[in-house]
Amino acid sequence: MADPDRIATLIVEDDPMFRSRFEEILSRADGYRIVASAASVADGIAAARANRIDLLVVDLGLPDGDGTAVIREISERQPECAVMVVTVFGDEEHVVNAIEAGASSYLLKDCNEQEFMAAIRDLLAGGSPMNPMVARLVLDRMRRMPPQPTPASSLDKPIELSERETEILTLVAKGFSFADICSLLSITNNTVKTHINRIYRKLAVHSRGQAVYEATRLGLIEL
């Protein structure tokens, strides 16, 4: 019988060496349960549809398509799932596409075991860990984006975040975990999650990465 207290993990990686490496690292770590390992987009989507997933570790360059298809599938079906990309692609296009699809963490395959597990723990705690080079790409792109103009039509209601929602999302954008935010703002974890869920609904997104990207694009937060 599956242990519901362990982090249900799906690995989608076509390279047997890396797939085995991720499986081995997570099998040695306490609190993780690998529910499936897939080597293609099709198998990854099938596994995501058949299982409850807490953590997705996914590559982008897969033999039958792009890993963002798996990210979108799981983000739409299981929005609470934490999504980590581990790939060789460190260019802006791949990074932005992954974040827009629903990824909240982005590592390159040259990371070591300690960096890999530290990023997973940070991700599950509410953070958005990224390779430093990737993080700079994201920040530079966001800073280059002009704020969207306020809709001219009275029929177009502009999106508004409350002061607290703006405060929390700004901290998320700066890399603070949910635990950090609780401590800084003297609020509970449930309160943070409630605000985050409201932000998701207002912005029509499914992940922290998407929320930060969309809020920055709309000029709702500044980095």
Protein backbone atom coordinates (compact mmCIF):
# COMPACT_ATOMS: atom_id res chain seq x y z
CA MET A 1 0.00 0.00 0.00
CA ALA A 2 1.30 3.46 -0.90
CA ASP A 3 2.35 5.67 1.99
CA PRO A 4 0.30 8.91 1.76
CA ASP A 5 2.78 10.72 4.01
CA ARG A 6 5.61 10.39 1.49
CA ILE A 7 6.08 12.81 -1.41
CA ALA A 8 4.58 11.13 -4.49
CA THR A 9 7.12 11.81 -7.24
CA LEU A 10 6.95 11.48 -11.02
CA ILE A 11 10.20 11.55 -13.00
CA VAL A 12 10.07 12.28 -16.74
CA GLU A 13 13.53 11.89 -18.28
CA ASP A 14 14.52 10.07 -21.47
CA ASP A 15 18.23 9.70 -20.66
CA PRO A 16 18.57 6.39 -18.76
CA MET A 17 21.63 7.61 -16.87
CA PHE A 18 19.96 10.74 -15.52
CA ARG A 19 16.67 8.94 -14.88
CA SER A 20 18.47 6.30 -12.80
CA ARG A 21 20.44 9.00 -11.01
CA PHE A 22 17.29 10.89 -9.98
CA GLU A 23 15.62 7.65 -8.89
CA GLU A 24 18.64 6.65 -6.82
CA ILE A 25 18.95 10.04 -5.10
CA LEU A 26 15.26 10.21 -4.21
CA SER A 27 15.12 6.57 -3.08
CA ARG A 28 17.90 7.30 -0.58
CA ALA A 29 16.21 10.45 0.72
CA ASP A 30 13.63 10.20 3.49
CA GLY A 31 10.01 10.95 2.70
CA TYR A 32 9.87 10.38 -1.06
CA ARG A 33 8.00 7.77 -3.08
CA ILE A 34 8.55 7.41 -6.83
CA VAL A 35 5.15 6.56 -8.28
CA ALA A 36 6.36 6.42 -11.89
CA SER A 37 9.31 7.09 -14.17
CA ALA A 38 8.68 7.96 -17.79
CA ALA A 39 10.92 8.48 -20.81
CA SER A 40 8.52 10.37 -23.07
CA VAL A 41 5.85 13.07 -23.08
CA ALA A 42 3.12 10.49 -23.74
CA ASP A 43 4.15 8.25 -20.86
CA GLY A 44 4.60 11.25 -18.56
CA ILE A 45 1.10 12.53 -19.29
CA ALA A 46 -0.36 9.04 -18.82
CA ALA A 47 1.35 8.74 -15.43
CA ALA A 48 0.14 12.20 -14.41
CA ARG A 49 -3.43 11.26 -15.28
CA ALA A 50 -3.26 7.95 -13.43
CA ASN A 51 -1.68 9.10 -10.17
CA ARG A 52 -1.78 11.83 -7.57
CA ILE A 53 1.56 13.61 -7.92
CA ASP A 54 3.17 15.90 -5.33
CA LEU A 55 6.45 16.47 -7.15
CA LEU A 56 7.25 16.40 -10.87
CA VAL A 57 10.89 16.26 -11.99
CA VAL A 58 10.93 16.74 -15.75
CA ASP A 59 13.35 17.22 -18.64
CA LEU A 60 12.39 19.43 -21.58
CA GLY A 61 14.02 17.66 -24.53
CA LEU A 62 12.03 14.44 -24.85
CA PRO A 63 11.89 12.14 -27.91
CA ASP A 64 8.22 12.76 -28.71
CA GLY A 65 7.97 16.44 -27.83
CA ASP A 66 8.68 19.10 -25.24
CA GLY A 67 8.48 18.47 -21.51
CA THR A 68 6.34 21.59 -21.14
CA ALA A 69 3.41 19.48 -22.38
CA VAL A 70 3.73 17.32 -19.26
CA ILE A 71 4.05 20.44 -17.10
CA ARG A 72 0.87 21.95 -18.55
CA GLU A 73 -1.04 18.71 -18.10
CA ILE A 74 -0.14 18.31 -14.45
CA SER A 75 -0.49 22.03 -13.67
CA GLU A 76 -4.05 22.01 -14.99
CA ARG A 77 -5.08 18.72 -13.38
CA GLN A 78 -3.10 18.97 -10.13
CA PRO A 79 -2.23 22.65 -9.51
CA GLU A 80 -0.78 21.88 -6.07
CA CYS A 81 1.95 19.71 -7.62
CA ALA A 82 5.45 21.18 -7.32
CA VAL A 83 7.18 21.22 -10.71
CA MET A 84 10.96 21.12 -11.15
CA VAL A 85 12.69 21.23 -14.53
CA VAL A 86 16.13 19.62 -14.77
CA THR A 87 17.56 20.04 -18.25
CA VAL A 88 20.55 21.00 -20.38
CA PHE A 89 18.72 24.00 -21.86
CA GLY A 90 19.61 27.27 -20.15
CA ASP A 91 18.44 29.74 -22.80
CA GLU A 92 15.73 32.32 -22.23
CA GLU A 93 13.15 30.73 -24.55
CA HIS A 94 13.21 27.35 -22.81
CA VAL A 95 13.21 28.93 -19.35
CA VAL A 96 10.28 31.25 -20.05
CA ASN A 97 8.25 28.53 -21.78
CA ALA A 98 8.72 26.22 -18.79
CA ILE A 99 7.69 28.90 -16.29
CA GLU A 100 4.66 29.88 -18.38
CA ALA A 101 3.67 26.20 -18.49
CA GLY A 102 3.76 25.94 -14.69
CA ALA A 103 7.31 25.19 -13.53
CA SER A 104 8.40 26.80 -10.26
CA SER A 105 11.97 25.49 -10.21
CA TYR A 106 14.57 25.27 -12.98
CA LEU A 107 17.93 23.51 -12.65
CA LEU A 108 20.60 22.55 -15.15
CA LYS A 109 21.87 18.99 -15.34
CA ASP A 110 25.30 19.95 -14.06
CA CYS A 111 23.86 20.31 -10.55
CA ASN A 112 25.19 17.90 -7.93
CA GLU A 113 23.17 15.72 -5.56
CA GLN A 114 23.28 18.24 -2.72
CA GLU A 115 22.08 21.07 -4.97
CA PHE A 116 19.35 18.84 -6.42
CA MET A 117 17.94 17.83 -3.03
CA ALA A 118 18.30 21.32 -1.54
CA ALA A 119 16.30 22.71 -4.47
CA ILE A 120 13.59 20.08 -4.01
CA ARG A 121 13.26 20.86 -0.30
CA ASP A 122 13.09 24.57 -1.06
CA LEU A 123 10.49 23.99 -3.78
CA LEU A 124 8.29 21.89 -1.49
CA ALA A 125 8.59 24.59 1.20
CA GLY A 126 7.14 27.14 -1.19
CA GLY A 127 10.29 28.51 -2.81
CA SER A 128 11.21 28.81 -6.47
CA PRO A 129 14.81 27.57 -6.64
CA MET A 130 16.64 28.15 -9.90
CA ASN A 131 20.10 27.81 -11.29
CA PRO A 132 21.75 31.25 -10.70
CA MET A 133 22.29 31.83 -14.42
CA VAL A 134 18.66 30.95 -15.13
CA ALA A 135 17.43 33.23 -12.34
CA ARG A 136 19.33 36.16 -13.86
CA LEU A 137 17.76 35.45 -17.25
CA VAL A 138 14.28 35.53 -15.72
CA LEU A 139 14.90 38.74 -13.77
CA ASP A 140 16.45 40.48 -16.76
CA ARG A 141 13.50 39.54 -18.95
CA MET A 142 10.98 40.72 -16.36
CA ARG A 143 12.77 44.03 -15.95
CA ARG A 144 12.68 44.58 -19.71
CA MET A 145 8.94 44.06 -19.93
CA PRO A 146 6.93 47.31 -19.97
CA PRO A 147 3.82 47.32 -17.73
CA GLN A 148 0.59 46.57 -19.56
CA PRO A 149 -1.60 49.66 -20.05
CA THR A 150 -4.82 49.92 -18.11
CA PRO A 151 -7.74 48.72 -20.31
CA ALA A 152 -9.50 51.67 -21.94
CA SER A 153 -12.89 50.00 -22.17
CA SER A 154 -15.12 50.22 -19.14
CA LEU A 155 -16.13 46.66 -19.91
CA ASP A 156 -12.56 45.48 -19.26
CA LYS A 157 -12.08 45.23 -15.53
CA PRO A 158 -8.38 45.51 -14.64
CA ILE A 159 -6.88 42.87 -12.38
CA GLU A 160 -6.21 44.17 -8.89
CA LEU A 161 -4.30 42.52 -6.07
CA SER A 162 -4.86 43.49 -2.47
CA GLU A 163 -2.02 45.11 -0.54
CA ARG A 164 -1.33 41.83 1.28
CA GLU A 165 -1.47 39.78 -1.94
CA THR A 166 0.99 42.18 -3.56
CA GLU A 167 3.27 41.96 -0.53
CA ILE A 168 3.24 38.15 -0.53
CA LEU A 169 3.73 37.78 -4.29
CA THR A 170 6.63 40.26 -4.23
CA LEU A 171 8.32 38.14 -1.56
CA VAL A 172 7.70 34.99 -3.62
CA ALA A 173 9.27 36.73 -6.63
CA LYS A 174 12.34 37.51 -4.54
CA GLY A 175 12.78 33.83 -3.71
CA PHE A 176 11.32 33.66 -0.20
CA SER A 177 9.69 30.36 0.76
CA PHE A 178 6.25 30.13 2.36
CA ALA A 179 7.94 29.51 5.72
CA ASP A 180 10.03 32.67 5.28
CA ILE A 181 6.93 34.69 4.41
CA CYS A 182 5.08 33.38 7.46
CA SER A 183 7.93 34.52 9.67
CA LEU A 184 8.39 37.91 8.00
CA LEU A 185 4.69 38.81 8.01
CA SER A 186 3.74 37.02 11.25
CA ILE A 187 1.00 35.01 9.57
CA THR A 188 0.24 31.29 9.35
CA ASN A 189 1.08 28.96 6.49
CA ASN A 190 -2.64 28.48 5.78
CA THR A 191 -3.04 32.25 5.46
CA VAL A 192 -0.19 32.42 2.95
CA LYS A 193 -1.71 29.56 0.92
CA THR A 194 -5.13 31.25 0.98
CA HIS A 195 -3.65 34.46 -0.44
CA ILE A 196 -1.64 32.51 -3.02
CA ASN A 197 -4.77 30.66 -4.19
CA ARG A 198 -6.61 33.98 -4.55
CA ILE A 199 -3.72 35.34 -6.59
CA TYR A 200 -3.83 32.25 -8.84
CA ARG A 201 -7.56 32.77 -9.46
CA LYS A 202 -7.19 36.47 -10.22
CA LEU A 203 -4.30 35.93 -12.63
CA ALA A 204 -5.70 32.67 -14.09
CA VAL A 205 -2.46 30.79 -13.41
CA HIS A 206 -1.49 27.49 -11.80
CA SER A 207 1.94 28.03 -10.25
CA ARG A 208 4.12 30.50 -8.38
CA GLY A 209 6.34 30.97 -11.43
CA GLN A 210 3.37 31.77 -13.64
CA ALA A 211 1.96 34.16 -11.01
CA VAL A 212 5.22 36.11 -10.73
CA TYR A 213 5.64 36.25 -14.50
CA GLU A 214 2.07 37.41 -15.16
CA ALA A 215 2.00 39.93 -12.29
CA THR A 216 5.26 41.45 -13.50
CA ARG A 217 3.99 41.60 -17.07
CA LEU A 218 0.86 43.42 -15.90
CA GLY A 219 2.83 45.82 -13.73
CA LEU A 220 1.21 44.54 -10.53
CA ILE A 221 4.57 43.97 -8.81
CA GLU A 222 8.05 45.39 -9.30
CA LEU A 223 11.33 43.51 -8.93
